[in-house]
Amino acid sequence: PKPNAILCVSAHWETKGTFVTAMENPKTIHDFGGFPQELFAVQ
């Protein structure tokens, strides 16, 4: 079914303690290097 919302636990957000994102408009993070510009352009 189409969800009301999504909660994602990603390998790429490690912290001391537990956090949840609480902003209205989360940014698209390009947390990598060495890939084509086309990938960095994705939002």
Full PDB file with SEQRES, HELIX, SHEET, SSBOND, CRYST1, ORIGX, SCALE, CONECT and MASTER records, all heavy atoms in Angstrom:
SEQRES   1 A   43  PRO LYS PRO ASN ALA ILE LEU CYS VAL SER ALA HIS TRP          
SEQRES   2 A   43  GLU THR LYS GLY THR PHE VAL THR ALA MET GLU ASN PRO          
SEQRES   3 A   43  LYS THR ILE HIS ASP PHE GLY GLY PHE PRO GLN GLU LEU          
SEQRES   4 A   43  PHE ALA VAL GLN                                              
HELIX    1 AA1 GLN A   37  PHE A   40  1                                   4    
CRYST1    1.000    1.000    1.000  90.00  90.00  90.00 P 1           1          
ORIGX1      1.000000  0.000000  0.000000        0.00000                         
ORIGX2      0.000000  1.000000  0.000000        0.00000                         
ORIGX3      0.000000  0.000000  1.000000        0.00000                         
SCALE1      1.000000  0.000000  0.000000        0.00000                         
SCALE2      0.000000  1.000000  0.000000        0.00000                         
SCALE3      0.000000  0.000000  1.000000        0.00000                         
ATOM      1  N   PRO A   1       0.834  -1.205   0.000  1.00  0.00           N  
ATOM      2  CA  PRO A   1       0.000   0.000   0.000  1.00  0.00           C  
ATOM      3  C   PRO A   1       0.870   1.258   0.000  1.00  0.00           C  
ATOM      4  O   PRO A   1       1.988   1.248   0.523  1.00  0.00           O  
ATOM      5  CB  PRO A   1      -0.788  -0.118   1.311  1.00  0.00           C  
ATOM      6  CG  PRO A   1      -0.628  -1.526   1.769  1.00  0.00           C  
ATOM      7  CD  PRO A   1       0.664  -2.018   1.225  1.00  0.00           C  
ATOM      8  N   LYS A   2       0.349   2.311  -0.590  1.00  0.00           N  
ATOM      9  CA  LYS A   2       1.089   3.579  -0.550  1.00  0.00           C  
ATOM     10  C   LYS A   2       1.117   4.093   0.882  1.00  0.00           C  
ATOM     11  O   LYS A   2       0.083   4.246   1.518  1.00  0.00           O  
ATOM     12  CB  LYS A   2       0.438   4.610  -1.469  1.00  0.00           C  
ATOM     13  CG  LYS A   2       1.265   5.882  -1.615  1.00  0.00           C  
ATOM     14  CD  LYS A   2       0.683   6.815  -2.665  1.00  0.00           C  
ATOM     15  CE  LYS A   2       1.559   8.056  -2.815  1.00  0.00           C  
ATOM     16  NZ  LYS A   2       1.031   8.978  -3.863  1.00  0.00           N  
ATOM     17  N   PRO A   3       2.305   4.344   1.425  1.00  0.00           N  
ATOM     18  CA  PRO A   3       2.393   4.735   2.833  1.00  0.00           C  
ATOM     19  C   PRO A   3       1.997   6.186   3.080  1.00  0.00           C  
ATOM     20  O   PRO A   3       2.027   7.025   2.168  1.00  0.00           O  
ATOM     21  CB  PRO A   3       3.876   4.519   3.158  1.00  0.00           C  
ATOM     22  CG  PRO A   3       4.587   4.635   1.852  1.00  0.00           C  
ATOM     23  CD  PRO A   3       3.628   4.165   0.802  1.00  0.00           C  
ATOM     24  N   ASN A   4       1.631   6.463   4.329  1.00  0.00           N  
ATOM     25  CA  ASN A   4       1.433   7.851   4.764  1.00  0.00           C  
ATOM     26  C   ASN A   4       2.765   8.570   4.918  1.00  0.00           C  
ATOM     27  O   ASN A   4       2.857   9.783   4.733  1.00  0.00           O  
ATOM     28  CB  ASN A   4       0.694   7.891   6.104  1.00  0.00           C  
ATOM     29  CG  ASN A   4      -0.724   7.387   5.996  1.00  0.00           C  
ATOM     30  OD1 ASN A   4      -1.368   7.540   4.963  1.00  0.00           O  
ATOM     31  ND2 ASN A   4      -1.213   6.762   7.059  1.00  0.00           N  
ATOM     32  N   ALA A   5       3.788   7.815   5.303  1.00  0.00           N  
ATOM     33  CA  ALA A   5       5.125   8.385   5.521  1.00  0.00           C  
ATOM     34  C   ALA A   5       6.123   7.240   5.532  1.00  0.00           C  
ATOM     35  O   ALA A   5       5.743   6.069   5.609  1.00  0.00           O  
ATOM     36  CB  ALA A   5       5.182   9.158   6.842  1.00  0.00           C  
ATOM     37  N   ILE A   6       7.393   7.597   5.469  1.00  0.00           N  
ATOM     38  CA  ILE A   6       8.482   6.621   5.471  1.00  0.00           C  
ATOM     39  C   ILE A   6       9.468   6.985   6.569  1.00  0.00           C  
ATOM     40  O   ILE A   6       9.827   8.157   6.734  1.00  0.00           O  
ATOM     41  CB  ILE A   6       9.219   6.623   4.111  1.00  0.00           C  
ATOM     42  CG1 ILE A   6       8.291   6.153   2.991  1.00  0.00           C  
ATOM     43  CG2 ILE A   6      10.472   5.734   4.160  1.00  0.00           C  
ATOM     44  CD1 ILE A   6       8.841   6.374   1.593  1.00  0.00           C  
ATOM     45  N   LEU A   7       9.890   5.982   7.324  1.00  0.00           N  
ATOM     46  CA  LEU A   7      10.997   6.131   8.263  1.00  0.00           C  
ATOM     47  C   LEU A   7      12.125   5.233   7.768  1.00  0.00           C  
ATOM     48  O   LEU A   7      11.923   4.025   7.621  1.00  0.00           O  
ATOM     49  CB  LEU A   7      10.580   5.744   9.685  1.00  0.00           C  
ATOM     50  CG  LEU A   7      11.613   5.977  10.797  1.00  0.00           C  
ATOM     51  CD1 LEU A   7      10.914   6.129  12.145  1.00  0.00           C  
ATOM     52  CD2 LEU A   7      12.656   4.859  10.894  1.00  0.00           C  
ATOM     53  N   CYS A   8      13.274   5.824   7.501  1.00  0.00           N  
ATOM     54  CA  CYS A   8      14.399   5.071   6.945  1.00  0.00           C  
ATOM     55  C   CYS A   8      15.570   5.058   7.928  1.00  0.00           C  
ATOM     56  O   CYS A   8      15.962   6.104   8.457  1.00  0.00           O  
ATOM     57  CB  CYS A   8      14.842   5.686   5.624  1.00  0.00           C  
ATOM     58  SG  CYS A   8      16.190   4.785   4.804  1.00  0.00           S  
ATOM     59  N   VAL A   9      16.117   3.878   8.149  1.00  0.00           N  
ATOM     60  CA  VAL A   9      17.354   3.714   8.915  1.00  0.00           C  
ATOM     61  C   VAL A   9      18.444   3.369   7.913  1.00  0.00           C  
ATOM     62  O   VAL A   9      18.447   2.279   7.338  1.00  0.00           O  
ATOM     63  CB  VAL A   9      17.222   2.601   9.974  1.00  0.00           C  
ATOM     64  CG1 VAL A   9      18.527   2.460  10.754  1.00  0.00           C  
ATOM     65  CG2 VAL A   9      16.063   2.890  10.914  1.00  0.00           C  
ATOM     66  N   SER A  10      19.343   4.316   7.680  1.00  0.00           N  
ATOM     67  CA  SER A  10      20.372   4.168   6.646  1.00  0.00           C  
ATOM     68  C   SER A  10      21.729   3.890   7.264  1.00  0.00           C  
ATOM     69  O   SER A  10      22.074   4.430   8.322  1.00  0.00           O  
ATOM     70  CB  SER A  10      20.444   5.455   5.811  1.00  0.00           C  
ATOM     71  OG  SER A  10      21.648   5.528   5.074  1.00  0.00           O  
ATOM     72  N   ALA A  11      22.511   3.087   6.561  1.00  0.00           N  
ATOM     73  CA  ALA A  11      23.888   2.809   6.984  1.00  0.00           C  
ATOM     74  C   ALA A  11      24.746   4.066   7.034  1.00  0.00           C  
ATOM     75  O   ALA A  11      25.794   4.072   7.684  1.00  0.00           O  
ATOM     76  CB  ALA A  11      24.522   1.812   6.012  1.00  0.00           C  
ATOM     77  N   HIS A  12      24.293   5.124   6.376  1.00  0.00           N  
ATOM     78  CA  HIS A  12      25.157   6.289   6.170  1.00  0.00           C  
ATOM     79  C   HIS A  12      24.892   7.444   7.123  1.00  0.00           C  
ATOM     80  O   HIS A  12      25.388   8.553   6.894  1.00  0.00           O  
ATOM     81  CB  HIS A  12      25.064   6.734   4.713  1.00  0.00           C  
ATOM     82  CG  HIS A  12      25.623   5.703   3.786  1.00  0.00           C  
ATOM     83  ND1 HIS A  12      26.974   5.543   3.582  1.00  0.00           N  
ATOM     84  CD2 HIS A  12      25.018   4.729   3.054  1.00  0.00           C  
ATOM     85  CE1 HIS A  12      27.184   4.539   2.749  1.00  0.00           C  
ATOM     86  NE2 HIS A  12      26.009   4.020   2.424  1.00  0.00           N  
ATOM     87  N   TRP A  13      24.137   7.177   8.198  1.00  0.00           N  
ATOM     88  CA  TRP A  13      23.991   8.215   9.231  1.00  0.00           C  
ATOM     89  C   TRP A  13      24.292   7.592  10.592  1.00  0.00           C  
ATOM     90  O   TRP A  13      23.432   7.037  11.241  1.00  0.00           O  
ATOM     91  CB  TRP A  13      22.589   8.819   9.220  1.00  0.00           C  
ATOM     92  CG  TRP A  13      22.486  10.062  10.073  1.00  0.00           C  
ATOM     93  CD1 TRP A  13      23.509  10.893  10.438  1.00  0.00           C  
ATOM     94  CD2 TRP A  13      21.296  10.598  10.662  1.00  0.00           C  
ATOM     95  NE1 TRP A  13      23.024  11.914  11.220  1.00  0.00           N  
ATOM     96  CE2 TRP A  13      21.672  11.771  11.359  1.00  0.00           C  
ATOM     97  CE3 TRP A  13      19.956  10.226  10.640  1.00  0.00           C  
ATOM     98  CZ2 TRP A  13      20.745  12.560  12.045  1.00  0.00           C  
ATOM     99  CZ3 TRP A  13      19.027  10.997  11.324  1.00  0.00           C  
ATOM    100  CH2 TRP A  13      19.414  12.155  12.013  1.00  0.00           C  
ATOM    101  N   GLU A  14      25.557   7.687  10.974  1.00  0.00           N  
ATOM    102  CA  GLU A  14      26.011   7.183  12.270  1.00  0.00           C  
ATOM    103  C   GLU A  14      26.254   8.348  13.208  1.00  0.00           C  
ATOM    104  O   GLU A  14      26.873   9.355  12.825  1.00  0.00           O  
ATOM    105  CB  GLU A  14      27.301   6.385  12.113  1.00  0.00           C  
ATOM    106  CG  GLU A  14      27.161   5.089  11.347  1.00  0.00           C  
ATOM    107  CD  GLU A  14      28.473   4.334  11.311  1.00  0.00           C  
ATOM    108  OE1 GLU A  14      29.315   4.633  10.434  1.00  0.00           O  
ATOM    109  OE2 GLU A  14      28.663   3.462  12.170  1.00  0.00           O  
ATOM    110  N   THR A  15      25.777   8.220  14.433  1.00  0.00           N  
ATOM    111  CA  THR A  15      25.883   9.291  15.413  1.00  0.00           C  
ATOM    112  C   THR A  15      26.186   8.708  16.790  1.00  0.00           C  
ATOM    113  O   THR A  15      26.010   7.512  17.020  1.00  0.00           O  
ATOM    114  CB  THR A  15      24.560  10.081  15.508  1.00  0.00           C  
ATOM    115  OG1 THR A  15      23.485   9.162  15.783  1.00  0.00           O  
ATOM    116  CG2 THR A  15      24.258  10.838  14.217  1.00  0.00           C  
ATOM    117  N   LYS A  16      26.597   9.548  17.703  1.00  0.00           N  
ATOM    118  CA  LYS A  16      26.667   9.177  19.121  1.00  0.00           C  
ATOM    119  C   LYS A  16      25.329   9.538  19.731  1.00  0.00           C  
ATOM    120  O   LYS A  16      24.974  10.706  19.821  1.00  0.00           O  
ATOM    121  CB  LYS A  16      27.802   9.935  19.823  1.00  0.00           C  
ATOM    122  CG  LYS A  16      27.977   9.561  21.299  1.00  0.00           C  
ATOM    123  CD  LYS A  16      28.437   8.114  21.445  1.00  0.00           C  
ATOM    124  CE  LYS A  16      28.996   7.844  22.836  1.00  0.00           C  
ATOM    125  NZ  LYS A  16      27.992   7.952  23.897  1.00  0.00           N  
ATOM    126  N   GLY A  17      24.556   8.543  20.074  1.00  0.00           N  
ATOM    127  CA  GLY A  17      23.172   8.770  20.448  1.00  0.00           C  
ATOM    128  C   GLY A  17      22.269   8.512  19.250  1.00  0.00           C  
ATOM    129  O   GLY A  17      22.732   8.226  18.152  1.00  0.00           O  
ATOM    130  N   THR A  18      20.959   8.593  19.483  1.00  0.00           N  
ATOM    131  CA  THR A  18      19.966   8.339  18.436  1.00  0.00           C  
ATOM    132  C   THR A  18      19.232   9.624  18.100  1.00  0.00           C  
ATOM    133  O   THR A  18      18.777  10.346  19.001  1.00  0.00           O  
ATOM    134  CB  THR A  18      18.957   7.276  18.903  1.00  0.00           C  
ATOM    135  OG1 THR A  18      19.658   6.063  19.192  1.00  0.00           O  
ATOM    136  CG2 THR A  18      17.913   6.989  17.833  1.00  0.00           C  
ATOM    137  N   PHE A  19      19.104   9.895  16.808  1.00  0.00           N  
ATOM    138  CA  PHE A  19      18.444  11.107  16.334  1.00  0.00           C  
ATOM    139  C   PHE A  19      17.454  10.763  15.233  1.00  0.00           C  
ATOM    140  O   PHE A  19      17.619   9.775  14.511  1.00  0.00           O  
ATOM    141  CB  PHE A  19      19.476  12.112  15.792  1.00  0.00           C  
ATOM    142  CG  PHE A  19      20.419  12.627  16.835  1.00  0.00           C  
ATOM    143  CD1 PHE A  19      21.570  11.911  17.174  1.00  0.00           C  
ATOM    144  CD2 PHE A  19      20.166  13.820  17.500  1.00  0.00           C  
ATOM    145  CE1 PHE A  19      22.436  12.371  18.148  1.00  0.00           C  
ATOM    146  CE2 PHE A  19      21.034  14.290  18.481  1.00  0.00           C  
ATOM    147  CZ  PHE A  19      22.178  13.566  18.806  1.00  0.00           C  
ATOM    148  N   VAL A  20      16.431  11.609  15.089  1.00  0.00           N  
ATOM    149  CA  VAL A  20      15.536  11.535  13.941  1.00  0.00           C  
ATOM    150  C   VAL A  20      15.486  12.907  13.294  1.00  0.00           C  
ATOM    151  O   VAL A  20      15.540  13.939  13.973  1.00  0.00           O  
ATOM    152  CB  VAL A  20      14.107  11.076  14.329  1.00  0.00           C  
ATOM    153  CG1 VAL A  20      14.093   9.614  14.706  1.00  0.00           C  
ATOM    154  CG2 VAL A  20      13.530  11.927  15.451  1.00  0.00           C  
ATOM    155  N   THR A  21      15.402  12.910  11.962  1.00  0.00           N  
ATOM    156  CA  THR A  21      15.305  14.186  11.262  1.00  0.00           C  
ATOM    157  C   THR A  21      13.916  14.762  11.485  1.00  0.00           C  
ATOM    158  O   THR A  21      12.914  14.061  11.384  1.00  0.00           O  
ATOM    159  CB  THR A  21      15.568  14.021   9.763  1.00  0.00           C  
ATOM    160  OG1 THR A  21      14.686  13.030   9.218  1.00  0.00           O  
ATOM    161  CG2 THR A  21      17.010  13.596   9.508  1.00  0.00           C  
ATOM    162  N   ALA A  22      13.856  16.055  11.784  1.00  0.00           N  
ATOM    163  CA  ALA A  22      12.585  16.674  12.175  1.00  0.00           C  
ATOM    164  C   ALA A  22      12.292  17.955  11.401  1.00  0.00           C  
ATOM    165  O   ALA A  22      11.436  18.738  11.806  1.00  0.00           O  
ATOM    166  CB  ALA A  22      12.594  16.964  13.680  1.00  0.00           C  
ATOM    167  N   MET A  23      12.992  18.149  10.277  1.00  0.00           N  
ATOM    168  CA  MET A  23      12.742  19.346   9.479  1.00  0.00           C  
ATOM    169  C   MET A  23      11.596  19.129   8.497  1.00  0.00           C  
ATOM    170  O   MET A  23      11.252  18.004   8.161  1.00  0.00           O  
ATOM    171  CB  MET A  23      14.012  19.781   8.737  1.00  0.00           C  
ATOM    172  CG  MET A  23      14.484  18.838   7.638  1.00  0.00           C  
ATOM    173  SD  MET A  23      15.234  17.301   8.238  1.00  0.00           S  
ATOM    174  CE  MET A  23      16.823  17.901   8.827  1.00  0.00           C  
ATOM    175  N   GLU A  24      10.998  20.226   8.038  1.00  0.00           N  
ATOM    176  CA  GLU A  24       9.883  20.124   7.103  1.00  0.00           C  
ATOM    177  C   GLU A  24      10.354  19.754   5.696  1.00  0.00           C  
ATOM    178  O   GLU A  24       9.624  19.088   4.946  1.00  0.00           O  
ATOM    179  CB  GLU A  24       9.103  21.440   7.065  1.00  0.00           C  
ATOM    180  CG  GLU A  24       8.379  21.756   8.362  1.00  0.00           C  
ATOM    181  CD  GLU A  24       7.810  23.160   8.370  1.00  0.00           C  
ATOM    182  OE1 GLU A  24       7.698  23.766   7.274  1.00  0.00           O  
ATOM    183  OE2 GLU A  24       7.486  23.668   9.455  1.00  0.00           O  
ATOM    184  N   ASN A  25      11.548  20.204   5.325  1.00  0.00           N  
ATOM    185  CA  ASN A  25      12.043  19.980   3.961  1.00  0.00           C  
ATOM    186  C   ASN A  25      13.492  19.498   4.010  1.00  0.00           C  
ATOM    187  O   ASN A  25      14.424  20.295   3.909  1.00  0.00           O  
ATOM    188  CB  ASN A  25      11.933  21.268   3.145  1.00  0.00           C  
ATOM    189  CG  ASN A  25      10.494  21.712   2.959  1.00  0.00           C  
ATOM    190  OD1 ASN A  25       9.733  21.074   2.239  1.00  0.00           O  
ATOM    191  ND2 ASN A  25      10.114  22.787   3.628  1.00  0.00           N  
ATOM    192  N   PRO A  26      13.695  18.189   4.174  1.00  0.00           N  
ATOM    193  CA  PRO A  26      15.069  17.671   4.257  1.00  0.00           C  
ATOM    194  C   PRO A  26      15.817  17.843   2.937  1.00  0.00           C  
ATOM    195  O   PRO A  26      15.250  17.635   1.860  1.00  0.00           O  
ATOM    196  CB  PRO A  26      14.874  16.186   4.596  1.00  0.00           C  
ATOM    197  CG  PRO A  26      13.483  15.866   4.145  1.00  0.00           C  
ATOM    198  CD  PRO A  26      12.690  17.117   4.297  1.00  0.00           C  
ATOM    199  N   LYS A  27      17.081  18.205   3.041  1.00  0.00           N  
ATOM    200  CA  LYS A  27      17.902  18.360   1.842  1.00  0.00           C  
ATOM    201  C   LYS A  27      18.357  16.998   1.333  1.00  0.00           C  
ATOM    202  O   LYS A  27      18.399  16.018   2.077  1.00  0.00           O  
ATOM    203  CB  LYS A  27      19.117  19.238   2.152  1.00  0.00           C  
ATOM    204  CG  LYS A  27      20.052  18.646   3.194  1.00  0.00           C  
ATOM    205  CD  LYS A  27      21.144  19.637   3.582  1.00  0.00           C  
ATOM    206  CE  LYS A  27      22.010  19.061   4.712  1.00  0.00           C  
ATOM    207  NZ  LYS A  27      23.015  20.024   5.187  1.00  0.00           N  
ATOM    208  N   THR A  28      18.700  16.947   0.058  1.00  0.00           N  
ATOM    209  CA  THR A  28      19.274  15.755  -0.547  1.00  0.00           C  
ATOM    210  C   THR A  28      20.779  15.799  -0.347  1.00  0.00           C  
ATOM    211  O   THR A  28      21.457  16.703  -0.859  1.00  0.00           O  
ATOM    212  CB  THR A  28      18.952  15.693  -2.052  1.00  0.00           C  
ATOM    213  OG1 THR A  28      17.530  15.744  -2.236  1.00  0.00           O  
ATOM    214  CG2 THR A  28      19.493  14.419  -2.678  1.00  0.00           C  
ATOM    215  N   ILE A  29      21.324  14.856   0.416  1.00  0.00           N  
ATOM    216  CA  ILE A  29      22.748  14.852   0.748  1.00  0.00           C  
ATOM    217  C   ILE A  29      23.499  13.969  -0.248  1.00  0.00           C  
ATOM    218  O   ILE A  29      23.142  12.804  -0.446  1.00  0.00           O  
ATOM    219  CB  ILE A  29      22.975  14.328   2.182  1.00  0.00           C  
ATOM    220  CG1 ILE A  29      22.176  15.152   3.194  1.00  0.00           C  
ATOM    221  CG2 ILE A  29      24.457  14.346   2.528  1.00  0.00           C  
ATOM    222  CD1 ILE A  29      22.201  14.565   4.596  1.00  0.00           C  
ATOM    223  N   HIS A  30      24.542  14.518  -0.846  1.00  0.00           N  
ATOM    224  CA  HIS A  30      25.396  13.752  -1.770  1.00  0.00           C  
ATOM    225  C   HIS A  30      26.666  13.380  -1.005  1.00  0.00           C  
ATOM    226  O   HIS A  30      27.711  14.023  -1.126  1.00  0.00           O  
ATOM    227  CB  HIS A  30      25.686  14.578  -3.025  1.00  0.00           C  
ATOM    228  CG  HIS A  30      24.436  14.935  -3.774  1.00  0.00           C  
ATOM    229  ND1 HIS A  30      23.707  16.071  -3.497  1.00  0.00           N  
ATOM    230  CD2 HIS A  30      23.764  14.276  -4.757  1.00  0.00           C  
ATOM    231  CE1 HIS A  30      22.646  16.110  -4.293  1.00  0.00           C  
ATOM    232  NE2 HIS A  30      22.659  15.029  -5.069  1.00  0.00           N  
ATOM    233  N   ASP A  31      26.541  12.333  -0.204  1.00  0.00           N  
ATOM    234  CA  ASP A  31      27.587  11.954   0.750  1.00  0.00           C  
ATOM    235  C   ASP A  31      28.494  10.899   0.143  1.00  0.00           C  
ATOM    236  O   ASP A  31      28.605   9.786   0.640  1.00  0.00           O  
ATOM    237  CB  ASP A  31      26.974  11.482   2.073  1.00  0.00           C  
ATOM    238  CG  ASP A  31      25.880  10.425   1.875  1.00  0.00           C  
ATOM    239  OD1 ASP A  31      25.237  10.418   0.810  1.00  0.00           O  
ATOM    240  OD2 ASP A  31      25.666   9.617   2.793  1.00  0.00           O  
ATOM    241  N   PHE A  32      29.151  11.270  -0.970  1.00  0.00           N  
ATOM    242  CA  PHE A  32      30.060  10.359  -1.667  1.00  0.00           C  
ATOM    243  C   PHE A  32      30.947  11.198  -2.569  1.00  0.00           C  
ATOM    244  O   PHE A  32      30.736  12.412  -2.717  1.00  0.00           O  
ATOM    245  CB  PHE A  32      29.266   9.332  -2.492  1.00  0.00           C  
ATOM    246  CG  PHE A  32      28.073   9.910  -3.222  1.00  0.00           C  
ATOM    247  CD1 PHE A  32      28.235  10.759  -4.305  1.00  0.00           C  
ATOM    248  CD2 PHE A  32      26.780   9.625  -2.814  1.00  0.00           C  
ATOM    249  CE1 PHE A  32      27.151  11.299  -4.975  1.00  0.00           C  
ATOM    250  CE2 PHE A  32      25.676  10.168  -3.466  1.00  0.00           C  
ATOM    251  CZ  PHE A  32      25.871  11.006  -4.552  1.00  0.00           C  
ATOM    252  N   GLY A  33      31.933  10.558  -3.159  1.00  0.00           N  
ATOM    253  CA  GLY A  33      32.835  11.266  -4.066  1.00  0.00           C  
ATOM    254  C   GLY A  33      33.245  10.387  -5.224  1.00  0.00           C  
ATOM    255  O   GLY A  33      33.107   9.154  -5.180  1.00  0.00           O  
ATOM    256  N   GLY A  34      33.755  11.025  -6.290  1.00  0.00           N  
ATOM    257  CA  GLY A  34      34.300  10.277  -7.408  1.00  0.00           C  
ATOM    258  C   GLY A  34      33.287   9.734  -8.391  1.00  0.00           C  
ATOM    259  O   GLY A  34      33.612   8.869  -9.206  1.00  0.00           O  
ATOM    260  N   PHE A  35      32.062  10.238  -8.341  1.00  0.00           N  
ATOM    261  CA  PHE A  35      31.017   9.777  -9.244  1.00  0.00           C  
ATOM    262  C   PHE A  35      30.694  10.858 -10.274  1.00  0.00           C  
ATOM    263  O   PHE A  35      31.070  12.020 -10.107  1.00  0.00           O  
ATOM    264  CB  PHE A  35      29.761   9.397  -8.447  1.00  0.00           C  
ATOM    265  CG  PHE A  35      29.923   8.152  -7.621  1.00  0.00           C  
ATOM    266  CD1 PHE A  35      30.272   8.233  -6.273  1.00  0.00           C  
ATOM    267  CD2 PHE A  35      29.746   6.894  -8.183  1.00  0.00           C  
ATOM    268  CE1 PHE A  35      30.425   7.091  -5.507  1.00  0.00           C  
ATOM    269  CE2 PHE A  35      29.891   5.742  -7.431  1.00  0.00           C  
ATOM    270  CZ  PHE A  35      30.240   5.838  -6.098  1.00  0.00           C  
ATOM    271  N   PRO A  36      29.974  10.515 -11.340  1.00  0.00           N  
ATOM    272  CA  PRO A  36      29.663  11.497 -12.374  1.00  0.00           C  
ATOM    273  C   PRO A  36      28.819  12.658 -11.849  1.00  0.00           C  
ATOM    274  O   PRO A  36      28.025  12.501 -10.906  1.00  0.00           O  
ATOM    275  CB  PRO A  36      28.871  10.681 -13.415  1.00  0.00           C  
ATOM    276  CG  PRO A  36      29.209   9.260 -13.143  1.00  0.00           C  
ATOM    277  CD  PRO A  36      29.491   9.173 -11.681  1.00  0.00           C  
ATOM    278  N   GLN A  37      28.964  13.807 -12.508  1.00  0.00           N  
ATOM    279  CA  GLN A  37      28.213  14.986 -12.102  1.00  0.00           C  
ATOM    280  C   GLN A  37      26.711  14.740 -12.161  1.00  0.00           C  
ATOM    281  O   GLN A  37      25.935  15.309 -11.386  1.00  0.00           O  
ATOM    282  CB  GLN A  37      28.588  16.175 -12.990  1.00  0.00           C  
ATOM    283  CG  GLN A  37      27.933  17.493 -12.582  1.00  0.00           C  
ATOM    284  CD  GLN A  37      28.219  17.868 -11.128  1.00  0.00           C  
ATOM    285  OE1 GLN A  37      29.328  17.681 -10.646  1.00  0.00           O  
ATOM    286  NE2 GLN A  37      27.207  18.381 -10.433  1.00  0.00           N  
ATOM    287  N   GLU A  38      26.289  13.867 -13.065  1.00  0.00           N  
ATOM    288  CA  GLU A  38      24.875  13.545 -13.192  1.00  0.00           C  
ATOM    289  C   GLU A  38      24.291  13.045 -11.874  1.00  0.00           C  
ATOM    290  O   GLU A  38      23.134  13.332 -11.529  1.00  0.00           O  
ATOM    291  CB  GLU A  38      24.701  12.477 -14.279  1.00  0.00           C  
ATOM    292  CG  GLU A  38      23.270  12.049 -14.519  1.00  0.00           C  
ATOM    293  CD  GLU A  38      23.152  10.882 -15.480  1.00  0.00           C  
ATOM    294  OE1 GLU A  38      24.196  10.362 -15.950  1.00  0.00           O  
ATOM    295  OE2 GLU A  38      22.009  10.463 -15.743  1.00  0.00           O  
ATOM    296  N   LEU A  39      25.093  12.305 -11.115  1.00  0.00           N  
ATOM    297  CA  LEU A  39      24.624  11.785  -9.838  1.00  0.00           C  
ATOM    298  C   LEU A  39      24.507  12.900  -8.801  1.00  0.00           C  
ATOM    299  O   LEU A  39      23.551  12.946  -8.023  1.00  0.00           O  
ATOM    300  CB  LEU A  39      25.571  10.688  -9.336  1.00  0.00           C  
ATOM    301  CG  LEU A  39      25.178   9.963  -8.056  1.00  0.00           C  
ATOM    302  CD1 LEU A  39      23.795   9.325  -8.170  1.00  0.00           C  
ATOM    303  CD2 LEU A  39      26.211   8.910  -7.692  1.00  0.00           C  
ATOM    304  N   PHE A  40      25.461  13.830  -8.817  1.00  0.00           N  
ATOM    305  CA  PHE A  40      25.423  14.935  -7.856  1.00  0.00           C  
ATOM    306  C   PHE A  40      24.279  15.904  -8.160  1.00  0.00           C  
ATOM    307  O   PHE A  40      23.875  16.682  -7.294  1.00  0.00           O  
ATOM    308  CB  PHE A  40      26.760  15.689  -7.861  1.00  0.00           C  
ATOM    309  CG  PHE A  40      27.882  14.906  -7.244  1.00  0.00           C  
ATOM    310  CD1 PHE A  40      28.695  14.090  -8.009  1.00  0.00           C  
ATOM    311  CD2 PHE A  40      28.112  14.966  -5.870  1.00  0.00           C  
ATOM    312  CE1 PHE A  40      29.721  13.348  -7.438  1.00  0.00           C  
ATOM    313  CE2 PHE A  40      29.135  14.237  -5.287  1.00  0.00           C  
ATOM    314  CZ  PHE A  40      29.947  13.429  -6.071  1.00  0.00           C  
ATOM    315  N   ALA A  41      23.767  15.853  -9.377  1.00  0.00           N  
ATOM    316  CA  ALA A  41      22.672  16.740  -9.758  1.00  0.00           C  
ATOM    317  C   ALA A  41      21.310  16.230  -9.298  1.00  0.00           C  
ATOM    318  O   ALA A  41      20.324  16.972  -9.310  1.00  0.00           O  
ATOM    319  CB  ALA A  41      22.657  16.932 -11.269  1.00  0.00           C  
ATOM    320  N   VAL A  42      21.251  14.958  -8.869  1.00  0.00           N  
ATOM    321  CA  VAL A  42      19.963  14.384  -8.471  1.00  0.00           C  
ATOM    322  C   VAL A  42      19.461  15.045  -7.186  1.00  0.00           C  
ATOM    323  O   VAL A  42      20.202  15.193  -6.207  1.00  0.00           O  
ATOM    324  CB  VAL A  42      20.082  12.866  -8.252  1.00  0.00           C  
ATOM    325  CG1 VAL A  42      18.765  12.290  -7.716  1.00  0.00           C  
ATOM    326  CG2 VAL A  42      20.464  12.168  -9.557  1.00  0.00           C  
ATOM    327  N   GLN A  43      18.211  15.428  -7.200  1.00  0.00           N  
ATOM    328  CA  GLN A  43      17.532  15.915  -6.005  1.00  0.00           C  
ATOM    329  C   GLN A  43      16.321  15.027  -5.739  1.00  0.00           C  
ATOM    330  O   GLN A  43      15.656  14.576  -6.676  1.00  0.00           O  
ATOM    331  CB  GLN A  43      17.077  17.369  -6.183  1.00  0.00           C  
ATOM    332  CG  GLN A  43      18.215  18.365  -6.338  1.00  0.00           C  
ATOM    333  CD  GLN A  43      19.018  18.519  -5.060  1.00  0.00           C  
ATOM    334  OE1 GLN A  43      18.451  18.651  -3.962  1.00  0.00           O  
ATOM    335  NE2 GLN A  43      20.340  18.495  -5.185  1.00  0.00           N  
TER     336      GLN A  43                                                      
MASTER        0    0    0    1    0    0    0    6  335    1    0    4          
END                                                                             
